[in-house]
């Protein structure tokens, strides 16, 4: 599993990736995550594993402000605690049954999380949010190369040891030009490997 720095915010999705009722699956440093938005608009980032049988929660369903696992329909409240077990509808659910939760923030059209992040997420300059692009190179290599691209303010999401996602904003407001620049960057980095 790739180590992610404690205290750091990582952009893991764009706001438009997460309409109400949708569960977005992503990775961060080898951690499989389920990202979802409840009826009230609040975004949640959780470990993508039901504590009951280990099924991916990203296969489940958003029900109001809760997430329901697809397998046995266990429901989990926003704090990650199991709120309902259908096979035992009259019994109180133990508070120890819970999903691992991650802190989350929305800023600059992006959704951010991390392990014990400090302060607020980085402030990116105004611009158009660009398409996220996976690049089969380590995060440090992608970050160094991305810093050289003009008119782009990018962050890097490490997926695992050898793959990262570049995402951010086109500061000139031209997402098409930015997309072409990101595709060229991916080709250059992956062919150099």
N, C-alpha and C. Protein backbone atom coordinates (compact mmCIF):
# COMPACT_ATOMS: atom_id res chain seq x y z
N UNK A 1 0.84 -1.18 0.00
CA UNK A 1 0.00 0.00 0.00
C UNK A 1 0.89 1.24 0.00
N UNK A 2 0.57 2.19 -0.84
CA UNK A 2 1.32 3.44 -0.93
C UNK A 2 1.08 4.27 0.31
N UNK A 3 2.13 4.82 0.82
CA UNK A 3 1.97 5.71 1.97
C UNK A 3 1.47 7.06 1.47
N UNK A 4 0.53 7.62 2.21
CA UNK A 4 0.12 9.00 1.95
C UNK A 4 0.53 9.79 3.17
N UNK A 5 0.89 11.03 2.94
CA UNK A 5 1.38 11.86 4.02
C UNK A 5 0.24 12.25 4.95
N UNK A 6 0.46 12.09 6.23
CA UNK A 6 -0.51 12.55 7.22
C UNK A 6 -0.48 14.07 7.24
N UNK A 7 -1.63 14.68 7.46
CA UNK A 7 -1.70 16.14 7.54
C UNK A 7 -1.92 16.83 6.21
N UNK A 8 -2.01 16.05 5.11
CA UNK A 8 -2.11 16.62 3.77
C UNK A 8 -3.51 16.37 3.21
N UNK A 9 -4.06 17.38 2.54
CA UNK A 9 -5.31 17.23 1.79
C UNK A 9 -5.00 16.76 0.37
N UNK A 10 -5.74 15.78 -0.12
CA UNK A 10 -5.61 15.28 -1.48
C UNK A 10 -6.94 15.47 -2.20
N UNK A 11 -6.91 16.03 -3.41
CA UNK A 11 -8.12 16.12 -4.23
C UNK A 11 -8.40 14.74 -4.78
N UNK A 12 -9.63 14.24 -4.55
CA UNK A 12 -9.96 12.87 -4.96
C UNK A 12 -11.09 12.80 -5.98
N UNK A 13 -11.75 13.92 -6.22
CA UNK A 13 -12.85 13.93 -7.19
C UNK A 13 -13.21 15.38 -7.49
N UNK A 14 -13.89 15.59 -8.59
CA UNK A 14 -14.46 16.90 -8.90
C UNK A 14 -15.89 16.92 -8.37
N UNK A 15 -16.35 18.09 -8.02
CA UNK A 15 -17.72 18.23 -7.52
C UNK A 15 -18.73 17.62 -8.50
N UNK A 16 -18.49 17.80 -9.81
CA UNK A 16 -19.44 17.28 -10.80
C UNK A 16 -19.40 15.75 -10.93
N UNK A 17 -18.39 15.09 -10.34
CA UNK A 17 -18.33 13.63 -10.34
C UNK A 17 -19.36 13.03 -9.37
N UNK A 18 -19.94 13.86 -8.52
CA UNK A 18 -20.74 13.35 -7.41
C UNK A 18 -22.13 13.99 -7.33
N UNK A 19 -23.01 13.66 -8.27
CA UNK A 19 -24.39 14.15 -8.15
C UNK A 19 -25.08 13.47 -6.96
N UNK A 20 -26.15 14.05 -6.48
CA UNK A 20 -26.90 13.47 -5.37
C UNK A 20 -27.28 12.03 -5.69
N UNK A 21 -27.12 11.15 -4.73
CA UNK A 21 -27.51 9.76 -4.89
C UNK A 21 -26.47 8.87 -5.54
N UNK A 22 -25.37 9.43 -5.99
CA UNK A 22 -24.33 8.65 -6.67
C UNK A 22 -23.23 8.30 -5.68
N UNK A 23 -22.65 7.10 -5.85
CA UNK A 23 -21.49 6.68 -5.06
C UNK A 23 -20.32 6.59 -6.02
N UNK A 24 -19.27 7.33 -5.73
CA UNK A 24 -18.09 7.42 -6.59
C UNK A 24 -16.98 6.59 -5.94
N UNK A 25 -16.39 5.67 -6.69
CA UNK A 25 -15.30 4.85 -6.17
C UNK A 25 -13.97 5.44 -6.63
N UNK A 26 -13.03 5.53 -5.68
CA UNK A 26 -11.69 5.98 -6.02
C UNK A 26 -10.70 5.33 -5.07
N UNK A 27 -9.44 5.59 -5.32
CA UNK A 27 -8.36 5.08 -4.47
C UNK A 27 -7.51 6.26 -4.01
N UNK A 28 -6.91 6.10 -2.85
CA UNK A 28 -5.95 7.08 -2.36
C UNK A 28 -4.87 6.32 -1.61
N UNK A 29 -3.69 6.29 -2.20
CA UNK A 29 -2.57 5.60 -1.57
C UNK A 29 -2.85 4.15 -1.25
N UNK A 30 -3.59 3.46 -2.13
CA UNK A 30 -3.91 2.07 -1.93
C UNK A 30 -5.16 1.82 -1.11
N UNK A 31 -5.75 2.87 -0.57
CA UNK A 31 -7.01 2.76 0.19
C UNK A 31 -8.18 2.88 -0.78
N UNK A 32 -9.04 1.87 -0.80
CA UNK A 32 -10.23 1.88 -1.64
C UNK A 32 -11.29 2.71 -0.93
N UNK A 33 -11.81 3.75 -1.61
CA UNK A 33 -12.74 4.69 -0.98
C UNK A 33 -14.08 4.74 -1.71
N UNK A 34 -15.14 4.93 -0.93
CA UNK A 34 -16.47 5.21 -1.46
C UNK A 34 -16.80 6.65 -1.10
N UNK A 35 -17.10 7.46 -2.10
CA UNK A 35 -17.41 8.88 -1.90
C UNK A 35 -18.86 9.07 -2.31
N UNK A 36 -19.67 9.68 -1.43
CA UNK A 36 -21.09 9.82 -1.73
C UNK A 36 -21.65 11.10 -1.12
N UNK A 37 -22.77 11.51 -1.70
CA UNK A 37 -23.43 12.73 -1.26
C UNK A 37 -24.86 12.37 -0.83
N UNK A 38 -25.20 12.71 0.41
CA UNK A 38 -26.53 12.43 0.93
C UNK A 38 -27.56 13.40 0.39
N UNK A 39 -28.80 13.16 0.75
CA UNK A 39 -29.92 14.00 0.31
C UNK A 39 -29.70 15.46 0.72
N UNK A 40 -29.08 15.67 1.88
CA UNK A 40 -28.87 17.04 2.35
C UNK A 40 -27.68 17.72 1.69
N UNK A 41 -26.98 17.02 0.78
CA UNK A 41 -25.85 17.61 0.05
C UNK A 41 -24.50 17.38 0.69
N UNK A 42 -24.47 16.81 1.88
CA UNK A 42 -23.21 16.58 2.58
C UNK A 42 -22.44 15.42 1.93
N UNK A 43 -21.17 15.65 1.67
CA UNK A 43 -20.31 14.63 1.06
C UNK A 43 -19.67 13.79 2.16
N UNK A 44 -19.58 12.50 1.90
CA UNK A 44 -18.94 11.55 2.81
C UNK A 44 -17.83 10.82 2.06
N UNK A 45 -16.74 10.52 2.75
CA UNK A 45 -15.67 9.68 2.20
C UNK A 45 -15.45 8.56 3.21
N UNK A 46 -15.64 7.34 2.75
CA UNK A 46 -15.55 6.17 3.62
C UNK A 46 -14.64 5.10 3.02
N UNK A 47 -14.14 4.23 3.91
CA UNK A 47 -13.51 3.01 3.41
C UNK A 47 -14.56 2.26 2.60
N UNK A 48 -14.17 1.74 1.46
CA UNK A 48 -15.11 1.10 0.55
C UNK A 48 -15.28 -0.39 0.89
N UNK A 49 -15.69 -0.65 2.13
CA UNK A 49 -15.84 -2.03 2.57
C UNK A 49 -16.87 -2.09 3.68
N UNK A 50 -17.91 -2.87 3.46
CA UNK A 50 -18.91 -3.10 4.50
C UNK A 50 -18.28 -3.94 5.61
N UNK A 51 -18.44 -3.55 6.87
CA UNK A 51 -17.82 -4.32 7.96
C UNK A 51 -18.48 -5.69 8.16
N UNK A 52 -19.62 -5.93 7.55
CA UNK A 52 -20.30 -7.21 7.73
C UNK A 52 -19.66 -8.32 6.91
N UNK A 53 -19.61 -8.17 5.59
CA UNK A 53 -19.08 -9.21 4.72
C UNK A 53 -18.01 -8.71 3.75
N UNK A 54 -17.60 -7.46 3.90
CA UNK A 54 -16.52 -6.94 3.08
C UNK A 54 -16.89 -6.51 1.68
N UNK A 55 -18.17 -6.45 1.36
CA UNK A 55 -18.61 -6.02 0.03
C UNK A 55 -18.31 -4.54 -0.16
N UNK A 56 -17.97 -4.16 -1.38
CA UNK A 56 -17.72 -2.75 -1.67
C UNK A 56 -18.99 -1.93 -1.46
N UNK A 57 -18.89 -0.91 -0.65
CA UNK A 57 -20.04 -0.03 -0.42
C UNK A 57 -20.38 0.78 -1.66
N UNK A 58 -19.41 0.96 -2.55
CA UNK A 58 -19.68 1.71 -3.78
C UNK A 58 -20.66 0.97 -4.69
N UNK A 59 -20.95 -0.29 -4.40
CA UNK A 59 -21.96 -1.04 -5.14
C UNK A 59 -23.35 -0.85 -4.55
N UNK A 60 -23.42 -0.18 -3.41
CA UNK A 60 -24.67 -0.02 -2.69
C UNK A 60 -25.52 1.12 -3.21
N UNK A 61 -26.29 1.71 -2.31
CA UNK A 61 -27.26 2.73 -2.69
C UNK A 61 -27.33 3.81 -1.61
N UNK A 62 -27.45 5.05 -2.04
CA UNK A 62 -27.69 6.15 -1.11
C UNK A 62 -29.18 6.19 -0.84
N UNK A 63 -29.54 6.13 0.43
CA UNK A 63 -30.94 6.18 0.85
C UNK A 63 -31.06 7.37 1.81
N UNK A 64 -31.56 8.50 1.29
CA UNK A 64 -31.63 9.71 2.11
C UNK A 64 -30.24 10.18 2.47
N UNK A 65 -29.93 10.18 3.76
CA UNK A 65 -28.61 10.57 4.24
C UNK A 65 -27.83 9.38 4.79
N UNK A 66 -28.19 8.19 4.30
CA UNK A 66 -27.50 6.97 4.71
C UNK A 66 -27.04 6.20 3.48
N UNK A 67 -26.12 5.29 3.71
CA UNK A 67 -25.63 4.42 2.65
C UNK A 67 -26.05 2.99 2.98
N UNK A 68 -26.63 2.30 2.00
CA UNK A 68 -27.09 0.93 2.20
C UNK A 68 -26.21 -0.01 1.40
N UNK A 69 -25.69 -1.03 2.07
CA UNK A 69 -24.87 -2.05 1.42
C UNK A 69 -25.74 -2.89 0.50
N UNK A 70 -25.23 -3.24 -0.64
CA UNK A 70 -25.98 -4.02 -1.61
C UNK A 70 -26.22 -5.45 -1.14
N UNK A 71 -25.30 -6.02 -0.39
CA UNK A 71 -25.34 -7.45 -0.09
C UNK A 71 -26.47 -7.83 0.87
N UNK A 72 -26.46 -7.31 2.10
CA UNK A 72 -27.49 -7.64 3.08
C UNK A 72 -28.31 -6.42 3.49
N UNK A 73 -28.15 -5.32 2.78
CA UNK A 73 -28.94 -4.10 2.99
C UNK A 73 -28.73 -3.45 4.36
N UNK A 74 -27.57 -3.68 4.96
CA UNK A 74 -27.27 -2.97 6.19
C UNK A 74 -27.15 -1.49 5.84
N UNK A 75 -27.63 -0.61 6.70
CA UNK A 75 -27.57 0.82 6.46
C UNK A 75 -26.61 1.47 7.46
N UNK A 76 -25.93 2.50 6.96
CA UNK A 76 -24.94 3.20 7.76
C UNK A 76 -25.23 4.70 7.73
N UNK A 77 -25.23 5.31 8.92
CA UNK A 77 -25.48 6.75 9.04
C UNK A 77 -24.23 7.53 8.64
N UNK A 78 -24.36 8.85 8.55
CA UNK A 78 -23.25 9.69 8.07
C UNK A 78 -21.99 9.56 8.92
N UNK A 79 -22.11 9.19 10.18
CA UNK A 79 -20.92 9.03 11.01
C UNK A 79 -20.26 7.66 10.82
N UNK A 80 -20.80 6.85 9.89
CA UNK A 80 -20.24 5.54 9.59
C UNK A 80 -20.79 4.42 10.46
N UNK A 81 -21.60 4.74 11.46
CA UNK A 81 -22.14 3.73 12.37
C UNK A 81 -23.35 3.04 11.73
N UNK A 82 -23.42 1.72 11.88
CA UNK A 82 -24.54 0.96 11.34
C UNK A 82 -25.82 1.40 12.04
N UNK A 83 -26.83 1.72 11.27
CA UNK A 83 -28.09 2.22 11.82
C UNK A 83 -29.24 1.23 11.71
N UNK A 84 -29.09 0.22 10.84
CA UNK A 84 -30.20 -0.72 10.65
C UNK A 84 -29.69 -2.02 10.04
N UNK A 85 -30.14 -3.14 10.62
CA UNK A 85 -29.85 -4.48 10.09
C UNK A 85 -31.20 -5.12 9.78
N UNK A 86 -31.55 -5.29 8.50
CA UNK A 86 -32.87 -5.80 8.13
C UNK A 86 -33.23 -7.16 8.75
N UNK A 87 -32.25 -8.04 8.95
CA UNK A 87 -32.53 -9.36 9.52
C UNK A 87 -32.88 -9.28 11.00
N UNK A 88 -32.61 -8.12 11.62
CA UNK A 88 -32.90 -7.93 13.05
C UNK A 88 -33.55 -6.56 13.25
N UNK A 89 -34.71 -6.35 12.64
CA UNK A 89 -35.30 -5.00 12.65
C UNK A 89 -35.71 -4.49 14.03
N UNK A 90 -35.93 -5.38 14.99
CA UNK A 90 -36.38 -4.95 16.31
C UNK A 90 -35.25 -4.84 17.33
N UNK A 91 -34.04 -5.15 16.91
CA UNK A 91 -32.91 -5.11 17.85
C UNK A 91 -32.10 -3.84 17.66
N UNK A 92 -31.57 -3.35 18.76
CA UNK A 92 -30.70 -2.17 18.72
C UNK A 92 -29.37 -2.61 18.10
N UNK A 93 -28.89 -1.83 17.15
CA UNK A 93 -27.62 -2.14 16.48
C UNK A 93 -26.47 -1.69 17.37
N UNK A 94 -25.50 -2.58 17.63
CA UNK A 94 -24.34 -2.17 18.45
C UNK A 94 -23.59 -1.01 17.78
N UNK A 95 -23.23 -0.03 18.55
CA UNK A 95 -22.50 1.13 18.03
C UNK A 95 -21.09 0.82 17.56
N UNK A 96 -20.63 -0.40 17.83
CA UNK A 96 -19.28 -0.78 17.40
C UNK A 96 -19.23 -1.22 15.95
N UNK A 97 -20.39 -1.44 15.32
CA UNK A 97 -20.41 -1.81 13.91
C UNK A 97 -20.35 -0.53 13.10
N UNK A 98 -19.21 -0.31 12.47
CA UNK A 98 -19.03 0.97 11.77
C UNK A 98 -18.09 0.83 10.60
N UNK A 99 -18.21 1.78 9.69
CA UNK A 99 -17.34 1.90 8.52
C UNK A 99 -16.28 2.96 8.84
N UNK A 100 -15.07 2.76 8.36
CA UNK A 100 -14.04 3.76 8.53
C UNK A 100 -14.37 5.01 7.72
N UNK A 101 -14.35 6.17 8.36
CA UNK A 101 -14.67 7.43 7.69
C UNK A 101 -13.42 8.29 7.56
N UNK A 102 -13.44 9.15 6.56
CA UNK A 102 -12.33 10.06 6.30
C UNK A 102 -12.86 11.50 6.35
N UNK A 103 -12.03 12.45 6.75
CA UNK A 103 -12.47 13.85 6.69
C UNK A 103 -12.66 14.27 5.24
N UNK A 104 -13.53 15.23 5.01
CA UNK A 104 -13.79 15.66 3.63
C UNK A 104 -14.04 17.16 3.62
N UNK A 105 -13.63 17.79 2.54
CA UNK A 105 -13.87 19.22 2.33
C UNK A 105 -14.15 19.44 0.85
N UNK A 106 -14.95 20.45 0.57
CA UNK A 106 -15.21 20.87 -0.81
C UNK A 106 -14.58 22.24 -1.00
N UNK A 107 -13.75 22.38 -2.02
CA UNK A 107 -13.10 23.66 -2.29
C UNK A 107 -12.66 23.73 -3.74
N UNK A 108 -12.94 24.84 -4.38
CA UNK A 108 -12.48 25.06 -5.75
C UNK A 108 -13.04 24.09 -6.76
N UNK A 109 -14.23 23.54 -6.52
CA UNK A 109 -14.83 22.59 -7.44
C UNK A 109 -14.31 21.18 -7.28
N UNK A 110 -13.48 20.95 -6.26
CA UNK A 110 -12.91 19.63 -6.01
C UNK A 110 -13.30 19.13 -4.62
N UNK A 111 -13.27 17.81 -4.45
CA UNK A 111 -13.52 17.18 -3.16
C UNK A 111 -12.17 16.69 -2.64
N UNK A 112 -11.90 16.96 -1.37
CA UNK A 112 -10.60 16.71 -0.77
C UNK A 112 -10.74 15.81 0.45
N UNK A 113 -9.73 14.97 0.68
CA UNK A 113 -9.65 14.15 1.88
C UNK A 113 -8.19 13.87 2.19
N UNK A 114 -7.94 13.18 3.27
CA UNK A 114 -6.59 12.79 3.65
C UNK A 114 -6.62 12.15 5.02
N UNK A 115 -5.48 11.70 5.47
CA UNK A 115 -5.34 11.15 6.81
C UNK A 115 -4.95 12.29 7.74
N UNK A 116 -5.86 12.66 8.61
CA UNK A 116 -5.65 13.74 9.57
C UNK A 116 -5.14 15.02 8.91
N UNK A 117 -5.83 15.50 7.86
CA UNK A 117 -5.36 16.71 7.19
C UNK A 117 -5.42 17.92 8.12
N UNK A 118 -4.47 18.80 7.92
CA UNK A 118 -4.35 19.99 8.77
C UNK A 118 -4.88 21.20 8.01
N UNK A 119 -5.62 22.05 8.70
CA UNK A 119 -6.10 23.29 8.10
C UNK A 119 -7.12 23.04 7.01
N UNK A 120 -7.12 23.94 6.05
CA UNK A 120 -8.04 23.85 4.91
C UNK A 120 -7.32 23.29 3.70
N UNK A 121 -8.08 22.77 2.73
CA UNK A 121 -7.43 22.29 1.50
C UNK A 121 -6.71 23.43 0.78
N UNK A 122 -5.77 23.10 -0.08
CA UNK A 122 -5.08 24.14 -0.85
C UNK A 122 -6.09 24.97 -1.66
N UNK A 123 -5.79 26.23 -1.80
CA UNK A 123 -6.64 27.11 -2.62
C UNK A 123 -6.04 27.16 -4.02
N UNK A 124 -6.81 26.66 -4.97
CA UNK A 124 -6.36 26.72 -6.36
C UNK A 124 -6.86 28.01 -6.98
N UNK A 125 -6.14 28.55 -7.96
CA UNK A 125 -6.62 29.77 -8.61
C UNK A 125 -7.94 29.51 -9.33
N UNK A 126 -8.69 30.56 -9.62
CA UNK A 126 -9.94 30.37 -10.35
C UNK A 126 -9.67 29.78 -11.73
N UNK A 127 -10.64 29.02 -12.22
CA UNK A 127 -10.52 28.42 -13.54
C UNK A 127 -11.55 27.34 -13.73
N UNK A 128 -11.47 26.66 -14.85
CA UNK A 128 -12.39 25.57 -15.17
C UNK A 128 -11.79 24.26 -14.67
N UNK A 129 -12.58 23.49 -13.92
CA UNK A 129 -12.12 22.19 -13.44
C UNK A 129 -11.91 21.29 -14.66
N UNK A 130 -10.75 20.64 -14.70
CA UNK A 130 -10.40 19.80 -15.85
C UNK A 130 -10.66 18.33 -15.54
N UNK A 131 -10.73 17.55 -16.60
CA UNK A 131 -10.92 16.11 -16.48
C UNK A 131 -9.73 15.49 -15.74
N UNK A 132 -10.01 14.61 -14.82
CA UNK A 132 -8.95 13.90 -14.12
C UNK A 132 -8.35 12.86 -15.06
N UNK A 133 -7.04 12.69 -14.98
CA UNK A 133 -6.36 11.77 -15.89
C UNK A 133 -5.39 10.90 -15.11
N UNK A 134 -5.58 9.58 -15.19
CA UNK A 134 -4.68 8.64 -14.55
C UNK A 134 -3.40 8.51 -15.38
N UNK A 135 -2.28 8.49 -14.69
CA UNK A 135 -0.97 8.37 -15.34
C UNK A 135 -0.20 7.26 -14.64
N UNK A 136 0.29 6.31 -15.39
CA UNK A 136 0.99 5.16 -14.81
C UNK A 136 2.44 5.51 -14.49
N UNK A 137 2.57 6.38 -13.51
CA UNK A 137 3.87 6.80 -12.98
C UNK A 137 3.66 7.16 -11.51
N UNK A 138 4.69 7.08 -10.67
CA UNK A 138 4.55 7.45 -9.27
C UNK A 138 4.10 8.91 -9.10
N UNK A 139 3.41 9.18 -8.01
CA UNK A 139 2.85 10.51 -7.76
C UNK A 139 3.92 11.61 -7.79
N UNK A 140 5.09 11.35 -7.23
CA UNK A 140 6.14 12.38 -7.20
C UNK A 140 6.60 12.75 -8.61
N UNK A 141 6.68 11.77 -9.49
CA UNK A 141 7.08 12.03 -10.89
C UNK A 141 6.01 12.86 -11.59
N UNK A 142 4.74 12.48 -11.38
CA UNK A 142 3.64 13.21 -12.01
C UNK A 142 3.58 14.64 -11.48
N UNK A 143 3.73 14.81 -10.18
CA UNK A 143 3.67 16.16 -9.59
C UNK A 143 4.77 17.06 -10.14
N UNK A 144 5.99 16.54 -10.26
CA UNK A 144 7.10 17.35 -10.77
C UNK A 144 6.85 17.76 -12.22
N UNK A 145 6.36 16.85 -13.02
CA UNK A 145 6.10 17.16 -14.43
C UNK A 145 4.90 18.09 -14.58
N UNK A 146 3.87 17.89 -13.77
CA UNK A 146 2.65 18.71 -13.86
C UNK A 146 2.93 20.16 -13.49
N UNK A 147 3.89 20.38 -12.62
CA UNK A 147 4.23 21.74 -12.19
C UNK A 147 4.79 22.59 -13.32
N UNK A 148 5.23 21.95 -14.40
CA UNK A 148 5.81 22.68 -15.52
C UNK A 148 4.78 23.10 -16.57
N UNK A 149 3.53 22.63 -16.44
CA UNK A 149 2.51 22.93 -17.45
C UNK A 149 1.94 24.33 -17.26
N UNK A 150 1.96 25.15 -18.30
CA UNK A 150 1.42 26.51 -18.17
C UNK A 150 -0.11 26.50 -18.12
N UNK A 151 -0.66 27.48 -17.45
CA UNK A 151 -2.11 27.70 -17.37
C UNK A 151 -2.86 26.54 -16.74
N UNK A 152 -2.18 25.75 -15.92
CA UNK A 152 -2.82 24.66 -15.19
C UNK A 152 -2.38 24.69 -13.74
N UNK A 153 -3.33 24.55 -12.83
CA UNK A 153 -3.04 24.39 -11.41
C UNK A 153 -3.50 22.99 -11.06
N UNK A 154 -2.55 22.08 -10.88
CA UNK A 154 -2.89 20.67 -10.72
C UNK A 154 -2.50 20.14 -9.35
N UNK A 155 -3.25 19.17 -8.89
CA UNK A 155 -2.91 18.40 -7.71
C UNK A 155 -2.76 16.95 -8.17
N UNK A 156 -2.10 16.16 -7.35
CA UNK A 156 -1.86 14.77 -7.72
C UNK A 156 -2.41 13.86 -6.63
N UNK A 157 -3.21 12.89 -7.05
CA UNK A 157 -3.80 11.89 -6.17
C UNK A 157 -3.06 10.58 -6.38
N UNK A 158 -2.25 10.14 -5.40
CA UNK A 158 -1.57 8.85 -5.57
C UNK A 158 -2.57 7.71 -5.41
N UNK A 159 -2.69 6.88 -6.46
CA UNK A 159 -3.59 5.73 -6.37
C UNK A 159 -2.90 4.57 -5.68
N UNK A 160 -1.69 4.26 -6.16
CA UNK A 160 -0.87 3.19 -5.60
C UNK A 160 0.59 3.56 -5.88
N UNK A 161 1.50 2.62 -5.71
CA UNK A 161 2.92 2.93 -5.88
C UNK A 161 3.29 3.43 -7.27
N UNK A 162 2.58 2.98 -8.31
CA UNK A 162 2.98 3.32 -9.66
C UNK A 162 1.99 4.10 -10.48
N UNK A 163 0.88 4.54 -9.89
CA UNK A 163 -0.14 5.26 -10.65
C UNK A 163 -0.66 6.43 -9.84
N UNK A 164 -0.88 7.54 -10.53
CA UNK A 164 -1.43 8.74 -9.89
C UNK A 164 -2.44 9.39 -10.83
N UNK A 165 -3.31 10.19 -10.26
CA UNK A 165 -4.28 10.96 -11.05
C UNK A 165 -3.92 12.43 -10.93
N UNK A 166 -3.83 13.10 -12.07
CA UNK A 166 -3.65 14.55 -12.08
C UNK A 166 -5.03 15.18 -12.25
N UNK A 167 -5.35 16.13 -11.39
CA UNK A 167 -6.62 16.84 -11.49
C UNK A 167 -6.40 18.26 -10.99
N UNK A 168 -7.28 19.16 -11.44
CA UNK A 168 -7.14 20.55 -11.02
C UNK A 168 -7.95 21.47 -11.90
N UNK A 169 -7.41 22.67 -12.16
CA UNK A 169 -8.14 23.67 -12.94
C UNK A 169 -7.27 24.25 -14.05
N UNK A 170 -7.96 24.60 -15.14
CA UNK A 170 -7.32 25.34 -16.23
C UNK A 170 -7.48 26.81 -15.88
N UNK A 171 -6.39 27.45 -15.54
CA UNK A 171 -6.47 28.84 -15.08
C UNK A 171 -6.82 29.82 -16.19
N UNK A 172 -6.67 29.38 -17.45
CA UNK A 172 -7.08 30.23 -18.56
C UNK A 172 -8.53 29.96 -18.98
N UNK A 173 -9.21 29.05 -18.25
CA UNK A 173 -10.60 28.75 -18.53
C UNK A 173 -10.85 27.85 -19.73
N UNK A 174 -9.80 27.26 -20.28
CA UNK A 174 -9.93 26.44 -21.49
C UNK A 174 -9.69 24.96 -21.15
N UNK A 175 -10.74 24.21 -20.77
CA UNK A 175 -10.54 22.81 -20.40
C UNK A 175 -10.12 21.92 -21.56
N UNK A 176 -10.45 22.30 -22.79
CA UNK A 176 -10.05 21.48 -23.94
C UNK A 176 -8.54 21.55 -24.12
N UNK A 177 -7.98 22.76 -24.07
CA UNK A 177 -6.52 22.91 -24.17
C UNK A 177 -5.84 22.18 -23.02
N UNK A 178 -6.43 22.30 -21.81
CA UNK A 178 -5.85 21.64 -20.64
C UNK A 178 -5.87 20.13 -20.82
N UNK A 179 -6.95 19.59 -21.34
CA UNK A 179 -7.06 18.16 -21.56
C UNK A 179 -5.98 17.67 -22.52
N UNK A 180 -5.78 18.41 -23.60
CA UNK A 180 -4.74 18.04 -24.56
C UNK A 180 -3.35 18.07 -23.92
N UNK A 181 -3.12 19.05 -23.05
CA UNK A 181 -1.83 19.14 -22.35
C UNK A 181 -1.65 17.97 -21.39
N UNK A 182 -2.72 17.57 -20.70
CA UNK A 182 -2.63 16.43 -19.78
C UNK A 182 -2.39 15.11 -20.53
N UNK A 183 -3.06 14.94 -21.65
CA UNK A 183 -2.87 13.72 -22.45
C UNK A 183 -1.42 13.66 -22.95
N UNK A 184 -0.89 14.80 -23.41
CA UNK A 184 0.50 14.84 -23.87
C UNK A 184 1.45 14.53 -22.71
N UNK A 185 1.14 15.04 -21.51
CA UNK A 185 1.97 14.76 -20.33
C UNK A 185 1.95 13.26 -20.03
N UNK A 186 0.77 12.65 -20.07
CA UNK A 186 0.68 11.22 -19.80
C UNK A 186 1.51 10.43 -20.80
N UNK A 187 1.38 10.76 -22.08
CA UNK A 187 2.16 10.04 -23.10
C UNK A 187 3.66 10.16 -22.83
N UNK A 188 4.07 11.38 -22.55
CA UNK A 188 5.50 11.62 -22.32
C UNK A 188 6.01 10.83 -21.12
N UNK A 189 5.28 10.87 -20.00
CA UNK A 189 5.73 10.19 -18.79
C UNK A 189 5.67 8.67 -18.92
N UNK A 190 4.59 8.16 -19.50
CA UNK A 190 4.47 6.70 -19.60
C UNK A 190 5.44 6.11 -20.62
N UNK A 191 5.75 6.87 -21.68
CA UNK A 191 6.72 6.35 -22.66
C UNK A 191 8.16 6.46 -22.15
N UNK A 192 8.39 7.37 -21.22
CA UNK A 192 9.74 7.51 -20.65
C UNK A 192 10.05 6.41 -19.64
N UNK A 193 9.00 5.74 -19.17
CA UNK A 193 9.20 4.73 -18.12
C UNK A 193 9.85 3.47 -18.67
